[in-house]
Amino acid sequence: MQLPKDFCFNSVRGPCAVCGVEGSRCTGCLLDYYCGKQHQTQDWPRHRAGCKVLELRTDERLGRHLVATRNIPAATVILRERPMLSIPSPWTAEESLNEKLQAFNKVYCVGCLASDQSLTYERKCSSCGWPVCRSECSKSDAHRPECEAFQRAGFKLTADTRKKAGSYLWMALAALRTHLAMKKHPKLADLQATYKQPLLPAKGIQAPALGVNDNNNWRAEQAVTHKMSETWPAAARWLRETAGLSWLTEDELVRAAGVNEINGINLNPMNCVMLNGKTATHLFPAVSMVEHNCEPTGMLLAWDPTSQSMEHIVVTSRGVSKGEHISLDYLDTPFQDGVTRRSLLCRGWNIDCQCRMCADPTSAGLFLGSPCCPVCRDHGQQQPMVAEASPRYVQDNKYRCVNCGQSHLVPPTLALETTLLCVKSMMKGFDEYDPMLKLAIFPKGPLHSNHRLVLNSEFGGCIHLRIQMQVFMKIFSEDEIDIYLHKIQRLLDALDSVKPGLNQHRWALLQVQNELVIHSLGNGVRSTQITPQMLRKRLLQLKENVNELTLYYFGEKEKKYFESSYQEPAQSYLSFLNSL
């Protein structure tokens, strides 16, 4: 069926895609706004690629999902939507997180959902006692309905009532906010709220995995079956019994918790650096219809990463053929082996994934989850141990050496992963990662250079280079730049194997690559010691880099940012290319 006219939640009026004057939405796709027919016709050559390209279908296995009605080119905007509701992440279980890593302890402002480390429970709404970052937030539209409910119950949040909630505190508030919002936004009540066929119960708690967005790590900590039977009802009972909201039924609140769990989306922190509430969870009714795939046809991007509207777009990550399903990678963790991916997807989303990447024990030849065989290492050989099968849960996994066949000696890697997670939480760079990895990689340690722990650590180190250059004004030598550019290219090559096309990780690496090349060219200008051959190499790198980055900028503000931050600085250097 064709998409309903109210399929996407966004403004009825918005800036014209051509001139910026306020206009009306294209009724065919709800993607762009136009001030009149003339500018709509003028923009048609660009706009047509994403107009009326989606169809809503339903089947027993997937439920509602989106399918391409015709071939769609890569880097085409196909959905555009604002969150209908923003909530504190219900998976951020404050007490249990605090026991693991202090850096992930979250206190949200209930007004704007800021989660700055300086926020505490001491600054609070005078009416209900929940934390706010400033007095205006206690009167915000987002907080008012729940605040009035707490006042009706005569409840104020205190240290004692927080303790009774324990790890359910923010899940309870999120469920209440969603339930109260359903009257204003009936489409929220239409979202999936339970898993009809939950998978077999998972065993125990899953430890966080390096390279996974923090909210997804905590989301997958407990299995779906446990949340449905224990966690959601416990949050509902705290609201009814401790907070005194007894006029709300447990079923209503459990349903709201289910809506949040199944449909909640966490924004990519690399794409929303400047936004308050970027670590919160958001409900996008249309985007929630997009299914998961480890090799997705789309990616989720902020339309304007500086706007508190949190408006997002779904962009095709590659060319999509007619009849193909529109999909996103819910985990967005390309450097993960199939065993880890399957476990996270099963526990966090009730998905039993059997895709190429989840089923392939060699991870497209990179052996992402394979430790090195200790028996072969004693004979001077580096040989991977691969999973004998691809089980749902990490703890059920067994490894066998591809060379000698032994399976009884498997090097443990959990302690190393925990240490690397701590390094990540402290925002450290290669100064911390490199010494640890040298001891962890063959022949000194159990890992090889393409192991997921190595690639994810190197990715974290590469992202930290931007902080060093932008915040600390670090100046790197040409030798250091060569080393870092080699690391980035290695990661980009790995992405080509496990997640080809447009994706957040590639975009982030391209940005760091750009800054390093510009940094190198600046070194040459300052020192006049860079050779003509090296200068030409850097300029060609810069030209290729800017061409790739062009694909990631769509909104008017984003395009202007790209021009001023990447295109114009590059052109000032590329003008020398023809003279070399």
Protein backbone atom coordinates (compact mmCIF):
# COMPACT_ATOMS: atom_id res chain seq x y z
CA MET A 1 0.00 0.00 0.00
CA GLN A 2 1.06 3.61 -0.57
CA LEU A 3 2.31 5.54 2.43
CA PRO A 4 -0.46 7.35 4.35
CA LYS A 5 -0.35 11.15 4.21
CA ASP A 6 0.50 11.29 7.92
CA PHE A 7 3.06 8.47 7.77
CA CYS A 8 6.01 10.66 8.82
CA PHE A 9 5.81 12.89 11.87
CA ASN A 10 7.12 16.28 10.77
CA SER A 11 6.02 19.87 10.38
CA VAL A 12 3.23 20.75 7.96
CA ARG A 13 5.20 23.84 6.89
CA GLY A 14 8.95 24.22 6.43
CA PRO A 15 11.66 26.07 4.48
CA CYS A 16 11.53 25.71 0.69
CA ALA A 17 14.24 23.36 -0.61
CA VAL A 18 15.17 25.98 -3.24
CA CYS A 19 14.91 29.43 -1.63
CA GLY A 20 14.32 28.82 2.09
CA VAL A 21 10.99 30.68 2.23
CA GLU A 22 8.31 28.85 4.22
CA GLY A 23 6.36 26.39 2.11
CA SER A 24 4.29 23.22 2.08
CA ARG A 25 5.38 19.57 2.00
CA CYS A 26 5.51 17.52 -1.16
CA THR A 27 2.38 15.41 -0.70
CA GLY A 28 3.89 12.50 -2.60
CA CYS A 29 6.76 11.77 -0.23
CA LEU A 30 6.73 14.28 2.68
CA LEU A 31 10.49 14.80 2.19
CA ASP A 32 10.87 18.39 0.96
CA TYR A 33 9.03 21.71 1.28
CA TYR A 34 8.31 24.17 -1.54
CA CYS A 35 7.06 27.75 -1.57
CA GLY A 36 5.25 27.16 -4.86
CA LYS A 37 4.94 25.12 -8.03
CA GLN A 38 7.81 26.93 -9.77
CA HIS A 39 10.45 25.93 -7.25
CA GLN A 40 9.03 22.41 -6.96
CA THR A 41 9.41 21.99 -10.73
CA GLN A 42 12.89 23.53 -10.64
CA ASP A 43 14.01 21.06 -7.95
CA TRP A 44 12.38 18.02 -9.56
CA PRO A 45 15.59 16.59 -11.16
CA ARG A 46 17.08 16.21 -7.65
CA HIS A 47 13.87 15.51 -5.75
CA ARG A 48 12.53 12.77 -8.03
CA ALA A 49 15.14 10.20 -6.88
CA GLY A 50 13.46 9.87 -3.46
CA CYS A 51 9.85 10.82 -4.24
CA LYS A 52 7.22 8.06 -3.94
CA VAL A 53 9.83 5.31 -3.72
CA LEU A 54 8.43 3.50 -0.65
CA GLU A 55 5.55 1.14 -0.07
CA LEU A 56 4.24 -0.09 3.29
CA ARG A 57 3.72 -3.85 3.45
CA THR A 58 2.71 -6.30 6.17
CA ASP A 59 3.47 -9.97 6.64
CA GLU A 60 3.38 -12.46 9.51
CA ARG A 61 7.15 -12.66 9.98
CA LEU A 62 8.13 -8.98 9.84
CA GLY A 63 4.89 -7.17 10.57
CA ARG A 64 4.86 -3.73 8.94
CA HIS A 65 7.89 -2.92 6.82
CA LEU A 66 8.99 -0.73 3.91
CA VAL A 67 9.85 -1.84 0.38
CA ALA A 68 11.31 0.07 -2.58
CA THR A 69 8.77 0.65 -5.37
CA ARG A 70 11.53 1.26 -7.94
CA ASN A 71 15.32 1.34 -8.18
CA ILE A 72 16.79 3.98 -5.85
CA PRO A 73 20.32 5.38 -6.26
CA ALA A 74 22.78 5.41 -3.36
CA ALA A 75 22.82 8.51 -1.12
CA THR A 76 19.11 9.26 -1.70
CA VAL A 77 16.93 10.63 1.10
CA ILE A 78 13.88 8.37 1.40
CA LEU A 79 12.43 9.23 4.86
CA ARG A 80 12.44 12.43 6.89
CA GLU A 81 10.95 12.62 10.37
CA ARG A 82 11.09 14.34 13.74
CA PRO A 83 10.75 12.28 16.92
CA MET A 84 7.15 12.19 18.11
CA LEU A 85 8.45 11.78 21.66
CA SER A 86 11.82 11.91 23.43
CA ILE A 87 12.40 9.96 26.62
CA PRO A 88 15.32 9.19 28.95
CA SER A 89 16.93 5.98 27.76
CA PRO A 90 14.95 3.25 29.54
CA TRP A 91 17.95 0.92 29.21
CA THR A 92 20.22 3.23 31.20
CA ALA A 93 19.90 1.41 34.50
CA GLU A 94 21.66 3.90 36.75
CA GLU A 95 22.49 1.70 39.69
CA SER A 96 23.86 -1.27 37.73
CA LEU A 97 25.81 0.98 35.37
CA ASN A 98 27.39 2.76 38.27
CA GLU A 99 28.73 -0.56 39.53
CA LYS A 100 30.43 -1.23 36.17
CA LEU A 101 31.80 2.05 34.87
CA GLN A 102 31.36 5.41 36.60
CA ALA A 103 31.59 7.17 33.23
CA PHE A 104 28.23 5.73 32.15
CA ASN A 105 26.24 6.83 35.20
CA LYS A 106 23.42 8.96 33.77
CA VAL A 107 21.29 11.61 35.39
CA TYR A 108 18.90 13.19 32.90
CA CYS A 109 17.29 16.60 33.00
CA VAL A 110 13.62 15.67 32.71
CA GLY A 111 12.95 18.85 30.72
CA CYS A 112 15.53 18.89 27.92
CA LEU A 113 17.02 15.39 28.54
CA ALA A 114 20.54 16.76 28.82
CA SER A 115 22.80 14.23 30.51
CA ASP A 116 25.90 16.24 31.29
CA GLN A 117 28.22 14.69 33.88
CA SER A 118 27.69 17.76 36.10
CA LEU A 119 23.98 16.98 36.51
CA THR A 120 22.97 15.63 39.91
CA TYR A 121 19.77 14.89 41.80
CA GLU A 122 20.36 17.97 43.96
CA ARG A 123 19.00 20.41 41.36
CA LYS A 124 15.38 19.37 40.99
CA CYS A 125 11.90 20.33 39.92
CA SER A 126 10.27 22.00 42.91
CA SER A 127 6.94 20.30 42.17
CA CYS A 128 7.95 16.64 41.74
CA GLY A 129 11.61 16.32 42.78
CA TRP A 130 12.96 14.95 39.48
CA PRO A 131 16.30 16.40 38.29
CA VAL A 132 16.44 19.45 35.99
CA CYS A 133 19.40 21.41 34.66
CA ARG A 134 17.66 24.79 35.08
CA SER A 135 14.35 26.09 36.44
CA GLU A 136 12.87 26.59 32.94
CA CYS A 137 13.10 22.85 32.30
CA SER A 138 10.78 22.10 35.23
CA LYS A 139 8.05 23.97 33.31
CA SER A 140 8.78 22.49 29.88
CA ASP A 141 6.04 20.95 27.74
CA ALA A 142 7.92 17.65 27.75
CA HIS A 143 7.92 17.37 31.55
CA ARG A 144 4.55 18.97 32.41
CA PRO A 145 2.23 15.90 31.96
CA GLU A 146 4.28 13.59 34.20
CA CYS A 147 4.90 16.39 36.71
CA GLU A 148 1.14 16.93 37.02
CA ALA A 149 0.64 13.17 37.45
CA PHE A 150 3.20 13.06 40.28
CA GLN A 151 1.58 16.10 41.91
CA ARG A 152 -1.84 14.43 41.71
CA ALA A 153 -0.34 11.42 43.51
CA GLY A 154 1.34 13.67 46.08
CA PHE A 155 4.72 12.19 45.14
CA LYS A 156 8.19 13.74 45.16
CA LEU A 157 11.31 11.86 44.13
CA THR A 158 13.70 11.38 47.05
CA ALA A 159 16.83 9.36 47.70
CA ASP A 160 14.69 6.65 49.34
CA THR A 161 12.18 6.38 46.49
CA ARG A 162 15.05 6.35 43.99
CA LYS A 163 16.60 3.48 45.89
CA LYS A 164 13.33 1.51 45.73
CA ALA A 165 13.29 1.95 41.95
CA GLY A 166 16.93 0.92 41.60
CA SER A 167 17.76 0.10 38.02
CA TYR A 168 14.13 0.66 36.92
CA LEU A 169 14.04 4.40 37.69
CA TRP A 170 14.46 5.85 34.21
CA MET A 171 12.55 3.01 32.58
CA ALA A 172 9.61 3.90 34.84
CA LEU A 173 9.71 7.59 33.93
CA ALA A 174 10.05 6.76 30.23
CA ALA A 175 7.03 4.42 30.38
CA LEU A 176 4.94 7.07 32.16
CA ARG A 177 5.89 9.76 29.65
CA THR A 178 5.01 7.54 26.70
CA HIS A 179 1.69 6.42 28.20
CA LEU A 180 0.62 10.00 28.91
CA ALA A 181 1.67 11.10 25.41
CA MET A 182 -0.57 8.51 23.74
CA LYS A 183 -3.64 10.74 24.18
CA LYS A 184 -1.98 13.56 22.27
CA HIS A 185 -0.29 11.24 19.75
CA PRO A 186 -2.51 8.17 19.11
CA LYS A 187 0.07 6.80 16.66
CA LEU A 188 2.27 5.95 19.65
CA ALA A 189 -0.39 3.50 20.83
CA ASP A 190 -0.28 1.87 17.40
CA LEU A 191 3.41 0.97 17.69
CA GLN A 192 4.47 -2.59 18.46
CA ALA A 193 4.52 -3.11 22.23
CA THR A 194 5.34 -6.77 22.76
CA TYR A 195 7.25 -9.64 21.18
CA LYS A 196 4.71 -12.20 19.98
CA GLN A 197 7.26 -15.02 19.81
CA PRO A 198 10.12 -14.28 22.21
CA LEU A 199 13.22 -16.37 21.65
CA LEU A 200 14.44 -18.86 24.22
CA PRO A 201 15.55 -17.24 27.49
CA ALA A 202 19.15 -16.07 27.51
CA LYS A 203 21.45 -17.10 30.31
CA GLY A 204 22.54 -14.50 32.84
CA ILE A 205 23.89 -11.05 32.11
CA GLN A 206 25.87 -10.29 28.97
CA ALA A 207 29.00 -8.23 29.51
CA PRO A 208 29.39 -5.05 27.42
CA ALA A 209 31.10 -5.53 24.05
CA LEU A 210 33.77 -3.15 22.78
CA GLY A 211 32.72 -1.14 19.74
CA VAL A 212 29.00 -1.11 20.56
CA ASN A 213 27.09 2.10 21.28
CA ASP A 214 26.78 2.30 25.07
CA ASN A 215 22.98 2.36 25.08
CA ASN A 216 22.89 -0.74 22.89
CA ASN A 217 25.31 -2.50 25.22
CA TRP A 218 23.06 -1.90 28.22
CA ARG A 219 19.95 -2.69 26.18
CA ALA A 220 21.32 -6.15 25.40
CA GLU A 221 22.52 -6.76 28.95
CA GLN A 222 19.22 -8.45 29.86
CA ALA A 223 17.32 -10.75 27.52
CA VAL A 224 13.95 -9.83 26.02
CA THR A 225 12.19 -12.61 27.93
CA HIS A 226 13.47 -11.22 31.24
CA LYS A 227 12.38 -7.68 30.38
CA MET A 228 8.86 -8.77 29.39
CA SER A 229 8.29 -10.90 32.49
CA GLU A 230 10.31 -9.01 35.11
CA THR A 231 11.68 -5.57 34.22
CA TRP A 232 8.73 -3.83 32.56
CA PRO A 233 6.23 -5.00 35.25
CA ALA A 234 8.66 -3.96 38.03
CA ALA A 235 8.90 -0.44 36.57
CA ALA A 236 5.09 -0.29 36.32
CA ARG A 237 4.65 -1.43 39.93
CA TRP A 238 7.08 1.22 41.18
CA LEU A 239 4.97 3.90 39.47
CA ARG A 240 1.73 2.52 40.93
CA GLU A 241 2.85 1.51 44.41
CA THR A 242 5.78 3.76 45.34
CA ALA A 243 4.96 6.85 43.27
CA GLY A 244 1.23 6.41 43.96
CA LEU A 245 -0.07 6.59 40.36
CA SER A 246 -2.63 3.91 41.21
CA TRP A 247 -5.24 5.14 38.68
CA LEU A 248 -2.98 3.83 35.89
CA THR A 249 -3.11 0.08 35.32
CA GLU A 250 -0.05 -2.13 35.24
CA ASP A 251 -0.99 -3.33 31.76
CA GLU A 252 -1.07 0.24 30.42
CA LEU A 253 2.36 1.03 31.81
CA VAL A 254 3.88 -2.29 30.72
CA ARG A 255 2.59 -1.63 27.23
CA ALA A 256 4.24 1.81 27.21
CA ALA A 257 7.52 0.27 28.40
CA GLY A 258 7.26 -2.21 25.53
CA VAL A 259 6.70 0.58 23.00
CA ASN A 260 9.86 2.28 24.26
CA GLU A 261 11.92 -0.89 24.24
CA ILE A 262 10.93 -2.10 20.79
CA ASN A 263 10.72 1.22 18.93
CA GLY A 264 13.15 3.47 20.79
CA ILE A 265 16.05 4.80 18.73
CA ASN A 266 19.32 6.12 20.08
CA LEU A 267 20.99 8.72 17.89
CA ASN A 268 24.53 8.27 16.70
CA PRO A 269 26.72 10.36 19.02
CA MET A 270 29.21 11.05 16.19
CA ASN A 271 26.40 12.71 14.22
CA CYS A 272 24.75 14.71 17.04
CA VAL A 273 27.69 16.08 18.99
CA MET A 274 26.19 19.53 19.61
CA LEU A 275 22.71 18.52 20.75
CA ASN A 276 21.17 18.47 24.22
CA GLY A 277 19.45 15.15 24.77
CA LYS A 278 21.63 13.36 22.23
CA THR A 279 22.03 10.38 24.57
CA ALA A 280 18.27 10.10 25.14
CA THR A 281 15.93 7.74 23.28
CA HIS A 282 13.52 8.92 20.59
CA LEU A 283 10.32 7.51 19.11
CA PHE A 284 10.03 7.98 15.33
CA PRO A 285 6.78 6.28 14.17
CA ALA A 286 7.84 6.00 10.51
CA VAL A 287 11.48 5.09 11.13
CA SER A 288 10.29 2.37 13.53
CA MET A 289 8.86 0.57 10.46
CA VAL A 290 12.37 0.14 9.05
CA GLU A 291 13.61 -3.38 9.76
CA HIS A 292 17.06 -4.53 10.86
CA ASN A 293 19.72 -5.90 8.54
CA CYS A 294 23.42 -6.33 9.28
CA GLU A 295 24.05 -5.25 5.67
CA PRO A 296 21.47 -2.48 5.51
CA THR A 297 20.08 -0.57 2.56
CA GLY A 298 19.88 2.65 4.61
CA MET A 299 21.51 4.73 7.32
CA LEU A 300 20.02 7.21 9.81
CA LEU A 301 21.42 10.76 9.79
CA ALA A 302 20.57 14.05 11.47
CA TRP A 303 19.02 16.50 8.98
CA ASP A 304 20.63 19.32 10.94
CA PRO A 305 22.95 18.20 13.79
CA THR A 306 22.70 21.67 15.38
CA SER A 307 18.89 21.71 15.63
CA GLN A 308 17.12 20.64 18.81
CA SER A 309 14.22 19.40 16.66
CA MET A 310 16.23 16.15 16.32
CA GLU A 311 14.85 15.78 12.78
CA HIS A 312 16.43 12.76 11.08
CA ILE A 313 16.54 11.26 7.61
CA VAL A 314 16.95 7.75 6.27
CA VAL A 315 19.39 7.74 3.35
CA THR A 316 20.12 4.81 1.04
CA SER A 317 23.56 3.44 1.89
CA ARG A 318 23.88 1.85 -1.56
CA GLY A 319 21.83 1.40 -4.70
CA VAL A 320 18.52 -0.26 -3.80
CA SER A 321 16.65 -2.41 -6.31
CA LYS A 322 12.88 -2.42 -6.80
CA GLY A 323 11.31 -4.80 -4.28
CA GLU A 324 14.21 -4.66 -1.81
CA HIS A 325 13.39 -4.02 1.84
CA ILE A 326 14.49 -0.77 3.45
CA SER A 327 16.65 -1.60 6.45
CA LEU A 328 18.98 -0.16 9.08
CA ASP A 329 21.71 -1.81 11.12
CA TYR A 330 20.26 -1.52 14.64
CA LEU A 331 23.65 -2.28 16.19
CA ASP A 332 25.75 -0.15 13.82
CA THR A 333 28.84 -2.09 14.91
CA PRO A 334 30.58 -3.37 11.77
CA PHE A 335 33.69 -4.71 13.54
CA GLN A 336 31.83 -7.48 15.38
CA ASP A 337 32.00 -11.21 14.78
CA GLY A 338 28.86 -13.20 14.07
CA VAL A 339 28.67 -14.75 17.54
CA THR A 340 28.70 -11.38 19.30
CA ARG A 341 26.29 -9.81 16.81
CA ARG A 342 23.78 -12.65 17.09
CA SER A 343 23.87 -12.54 20.87
CA LEU A 344 23.36 -8.76 21.01
CA LEU A 345 20.54 -8.83 18.46
CA CYS A 346 18.81 -11.76 20.16
CA ARG A 347 18.94 -10.24 23.63
CA GLY A 348 18.32 -6.62 22.67
CA TRP A 349 15.79 -6.93 19.82
CA ASN A 350 14.55 -10.54 19.81
CA ILE A 351 16.14 -11.01 16.37
CA ASP A 352 17.61 -14.39 15.45
CA CYS A 353 19.81 -13.15 12.64
CA GLN A 354 21.07 -15.61 10.02
CA CYS A 355 22.57 -13.08 7.59
CA ARG A 356 25.89 -13.56 5.78
CA MET A 357 27.88 -11.73 8.46
CA CYS A 358 26.22 -13.49 11.39
CA ALA A 359 26.50 -16.95 9.84
CA ASP A 360 30.06 -16.65 8.50
CA PRO A 361 32.53 -17.86 11.17
CA THR A 362 35.40 -16.16 9.28
CA SER A 363 33.73 -12.69 9.17
CA ALA A 364 34.40 -12.28 5.43
CA GLY A 365 37.94 -13.53 5.90
CA LEU A 366 38.82 -11.03 8.65
CA PHE A 367 38.26 -13.56 11.49
CA LEU A 368 36.92 -10.77 13.71
CA GLY A 369 36.07 -13.00 16.66
CA SER A 370 38.86 -15.55 16.29
CA PRO A 371 41.65 -15.75 18.87
CA CYS A 372 44.98 -17.24 17.80
CA CYS A 373 45.50 -20.92 18.56
CA PRO A 374 47.95 -21.24 21.51
CA VAL A 375 49.13 -24.68 20.34
CA CYS A 376 50.08 -23.37 16.89
CA ARG A 377 51.61 -20.27 18.47
CA ASP A 378 54.02 -22.50 20.40
CA HIS A 379 55.19 -23.73 16.98
CA GLY A 380 55.62 -20.18 15.68
CA GLN A 381 52.41 -20.18 13.62
CA GLN A 382 49.58 -17.64 13.70
CA GLN A 383 46.39 -19.63 13.12
CA PRO A 384 42.83 -18.48 13.93
CA MET A 385 40.32 -20.45 15.96
CA VAL A 386 36.85 -20.12 14.45
CA ALA A 387 33.42 -20.70 15.94
CA GLU A 388 32.24 -24.23 15.27
CA ALA A 389 28.71 -22.87 14.87
CA SER A 390 27.08 -19.47 15.26
CA PRO A 391 25.13 -19.77 18.52
CA ARG A 392 22.67 -17.22 19.83
CA TYR A 393 24.62 -16.55 22.97
CA VAL A 394 28.30 -15.82 23.49
CA GLN A 395 28.57 -18.20 26.43
CA ASP A 396 27.44 -21.14 24.26
CA ASN A 397 30.22 -20.63 21.74
CA LYS A 398 33.00 -23.13 21.01
CA TYR A 399 36.14 -22.51 18.93
CA ARG A 400 38.32 -24.85 16.86
CA CYS A 401 41.70 -24.13 15.26
CA VAL A 402 41.56 -24.10 11.45
CA ASN A 403 45.06 -25.60 11.32
CA CYS A 404 45.55 -28.22 14.04
CA GLY A 405 41.88 -28.78 14.87
CA GLN A 406 42.23 -28.50 18.65
CA SER A 407 39.32 -26.95 20.56
CA HIS A 408 40.19 -27.49 24.25
CA LEU A 409 42.64 -24.56 24.62
CA VAL A 410 40.89 -21.28 23.81
CA PRO A 411 42.63 -18.07 24.95
CA PRO A 412 40.38 -15.91 27.17
CA THR A 413 39.80 -12.33 25.97
CA LEU A 414 37.13 -11.03 28.37
CA ALA A 415 39.56 -9.36 30.79
CA LEU A 416 41.31 -7.59 27.91
CA GLU A 417 37.96 -6.44 26.51
CA THR A 418 36.97 -5.02 29.92
CA THR A 419 40.25 -3.10 30.12
CA LEU A 420 39.82 -1.70 26.61
CA LEU A 421 36.26 -0.63 27.49
CA CYS A 422 37.66 1.36 30.39
CA VAL A 423 40.18 3.04 28.06
CA LYS A 424 37.31 3.90 25.73
CA SER A 425 35.22 5.33 28.58
CA MET A 426 38.09 7.67 29.49
CA MET A 427 38.34 8.93 25.89
CA LYS A 428 41.96 7.89 25.51
CA GLY A 429 43.93 7.70 22.26
CA PHE A 430 46.72 5.67 20.72
CA ASP A 431 49.08 6.57 23.58
CA GLU A 432 46.97 4.23 25.73
CA TYR A 433 45.80 1.74 23.09
CA ASP A 434 49.08 0.98 21.28
CA PRO A 435 51.11 -0.39 24.23
CA MET A 436 48.20 -2.63 25.25
CA LEU A 437 47.61 -3.90 21.72
CA LYS A 438 51.29 -4.68 21.17
CA LEU A 439 51.13 -7.05 24.12
CA ALA A 440 47.78 -8.49 23.00
CA ILE A 441 48.66 -9.25 19.35
CA PHE A 442 50.48 -12.37 18.14
CA PRO A 443 53.07 -13.56 19.02
CA LYS A 444 52.88 -11.94 22.47
CA GLY A 445 49.12 -12.23 22.93
CA PRO A 446 46.01 -14.12 21.79
CA LEU A 447 44.81 -11.64 19.14
CA HIS A 448 45.66 -10.98 15.50
CA SER A 449 45.67 -7.58 13.78
CA ASN A 450 42.11 -7.94 12.41
CA HIS A 451 40.49 -9.17 15.64
CA ARG A 452 37.43 -7.14 16.59
CA LEU A 453 39.10 -5.86 19.77
CA VAL A 454 42.03 -4.52 17.75
CA LEU A 455 39.91 -2.90 15.02
CA ASN A 456 37.49 -1.34 17.51
CA SER A 457 40.37 -0.02 19.61
CA GLU A 458 42.06 1.47 16.55
CA PHE A 459 38.75 3.03 15.52
CA GLY A 460 38.47 4.65 18.96
CA GLY A 461 42.05 5.87 18.69
CA CYS A 462 41.38 7.39 15.26
CA ILE A 463 38.33 9.28 16.55
CA HIS A 464 40.44 10.60 19.44
CA LEU A 465 42.86 12.13 16.92
CA ARG A 466 40.19 14.75 16.12
CA ILE A 467 40.03 15.74 19.78
CA GLN A 468 43.82 16.06 19.88
CA MET A 469 43.86 18.27 16.77
CA GLN A 470 40.74 20.36 17.45
CA VAL A 471 40.78 20.73 21.24
CA PHE A 472 44.43 20.37 22.22
CA MET A 473 45.85 21.80 18.95
CA LYS A 474 48.27 18.88 18.74
CA ILE A 475 50.78 19.09 15.87
CA PHE A 476 51.76 15.71 14.42
CA SER A 477 54.95 14.95 12.52
CA GLU A 478 54.82 13.59 8.96
CA ASP A 479 55.88 10.17 10.24
CA GLU A 480 53.01 10.17 12.74
CA ILE A 481 50.55 11.29 10.07
CA ASP A 482 51.67 8.46 7.78
CA ILE A 483 51.13 5.94 10.58
CA TYR A 484 47.64 7.27 11.37
CA LEU A 485 46.60 7.50 7.71
CA HIS A 486 47.69 3.88 7.30
CA LYS A 487 45.54 2.86 10.29
CA ILE A 488 42.55 4.73 8.85
CA GLN A 489 42.97 3.12 5.43
CA ARG A 490 43.20 -0.30 7.09
CA LEU A 491 39.89 0.34 8.84
CA LEU A 492 38.28 1.62 5.63
CA ASP A 493 39.43 -1.53 3.80
CA ALA A 494 37.95 -3.67 6.58
CA LEU A 495 34.65 -1.79 6.25
CA ASP A 496 34.62 -2.61 2.54
CA SER A 497 34.52 -6.29 3.52
CA VAL A 498 32.02 -6.25 6.39
CA LYS A 499 29.86 -3.17 5.73
CA PRO A 500 30.25 -1.70 2.24
CA GLY A 501 28.51 1.52 1.24
CA LEU A 502 27.66 4.60 3.27
CA ASN A 503 27.81 4.18 7.05
CA GLN A 504 28.55 6.19 10.18
CA HIS A 505 31.92 4.53 10.79
CA ARG A 506 33.18 5.29 7.27
CA TRP A 507 31.97 8.88 7.57
CA ALA A 508 33.78 9.36 10.89
CA LEU A 509 37.02 7.90 9.51
CA LEU A 510 36.82 10.08 6.39
CA GLN A 511 36.53 13.18 8.58
CA VAL A 512 39.65 12.24 10.55
CA GLN A 513 41.46 11.36 7.32
CA ASN A 514 40.59 14.81 5.94
CA GLU A 515 41.94 16.61 8.99
CA LEU A 516 45.17 14.62 8.96
CA VAL A 517 45.81 15.36 5.28
CA ILE A 518 45.06 19.06 5.79
CA HIS A 519 47.34 18.93 8.85
CA SER A 520 50.12 17.43 6.71
CA LEU A 521 49.69 20.07 4.01
CA GLY A 522 49.85 22.72 6.71
CA ASN A 523 53.10 21.17 7.93
CA GLY A 524 54.49 21.51 4.41
CA VAL A 525 53.53 25.16 4.20
CA ARG A 526 55.07 25.88 7.61
CA SER A 527 58.30 23.94 7.17
CA THR A 528 58.78 23.93 3.36
CA GLN A 529 60.33 20.48 3.90
CA ILE A 530 57.61 18.37 2.25
CA THR A 531 58.79 16.95 -1.09
CA PRO A 532 56.88 17.56 -4.35
CA GLN A 533 56.14 13.82 -4.55
CA MET A 534 54.69 13.76 -1.04
CA LEU A 535 52.76 16.96 -1.71
CA ARG A 536 51.17 15.43 -4.82
CA LYS A 537 50.31 12.26 -2.88
CA ARG A 538 48.61 14.28 -0.14
CA LEU A 539 46.69 16.42 -2.64
CA LEU A 540 45.38 13.34 -4.45
CA GLN A 541 44.35 11.88 -1.07
CA LEU A 542 42.54 15.12 -0.26
CA LYS A 543 40.72 15.19 -3.60
CA GLU A 544 39.48 11.61 -3.20
CA ASN A 545 38.54 12.23 0.44
CA VAL A 546 36.41 15.32 -0.29
CA ASN A 547 34.61 13.50 -3.11
CA GLU A 548 33.66 10.71 -0.69
CA LEU A 549 32.60 13.10 2.07
CA THR A 550 30.21 14.89 -0.31
CA LEU A 551 27.84 11.92 -0.07
CA TYR A 552 27.12 12.47 3.64
CA TYR A 553 25.64 16.01 3.63
CA PHE A 554 22.00 16.62 2.69
CA GLY A 555 20.20 19.46 4.49
CA GLU A 556 20.85 23.07 3.50
CA LYS A 557 22.78 23.82 6.72
CA GLU A 558 24.71 20.59 6.36
CA LYS A 559 25.71 21.41 2.78
CA LYS A 560 26.91 24.87 3.82
CA TYR A 561 28.87 23.32 6.68
CA PHE A 562 30.48 20.87 4.25
CA GLU A 563 31.42 23.69 1.87
CA SER A 564 33.00 25.85 4.58
CA SER A 565 34.65 23.05 6.56
CA TYR A 566 35.81 20.72 3.79
CA GLN A 567 35.34 21.97 0.23
CA GLU A 568 36.75 25.49 0.55
CA PRO A 569 39.86 24.54 2.59
CA ALA A 570 40.51 21.69 0.14
CA GLN A 571 40.21 23.95 -2.91
CA SER A 572 42.83 26.31 -1.51
CA TYR A 573 45.29 23.40 -1.60
CA LEU A 574 44.01 21.57 -4.69
CA SER A 575 44.69 24.63 -6.85
CA PHE A 576 48.38 23.59 -6.67
CA LEU A 577 47.71 20.07 -7.99
CA ASN A 578 47.91 20.88 -11.72
CA SER A 579 51.22 22.69 -11.26
CA LEU A 580 52.97 19.62 -9.85
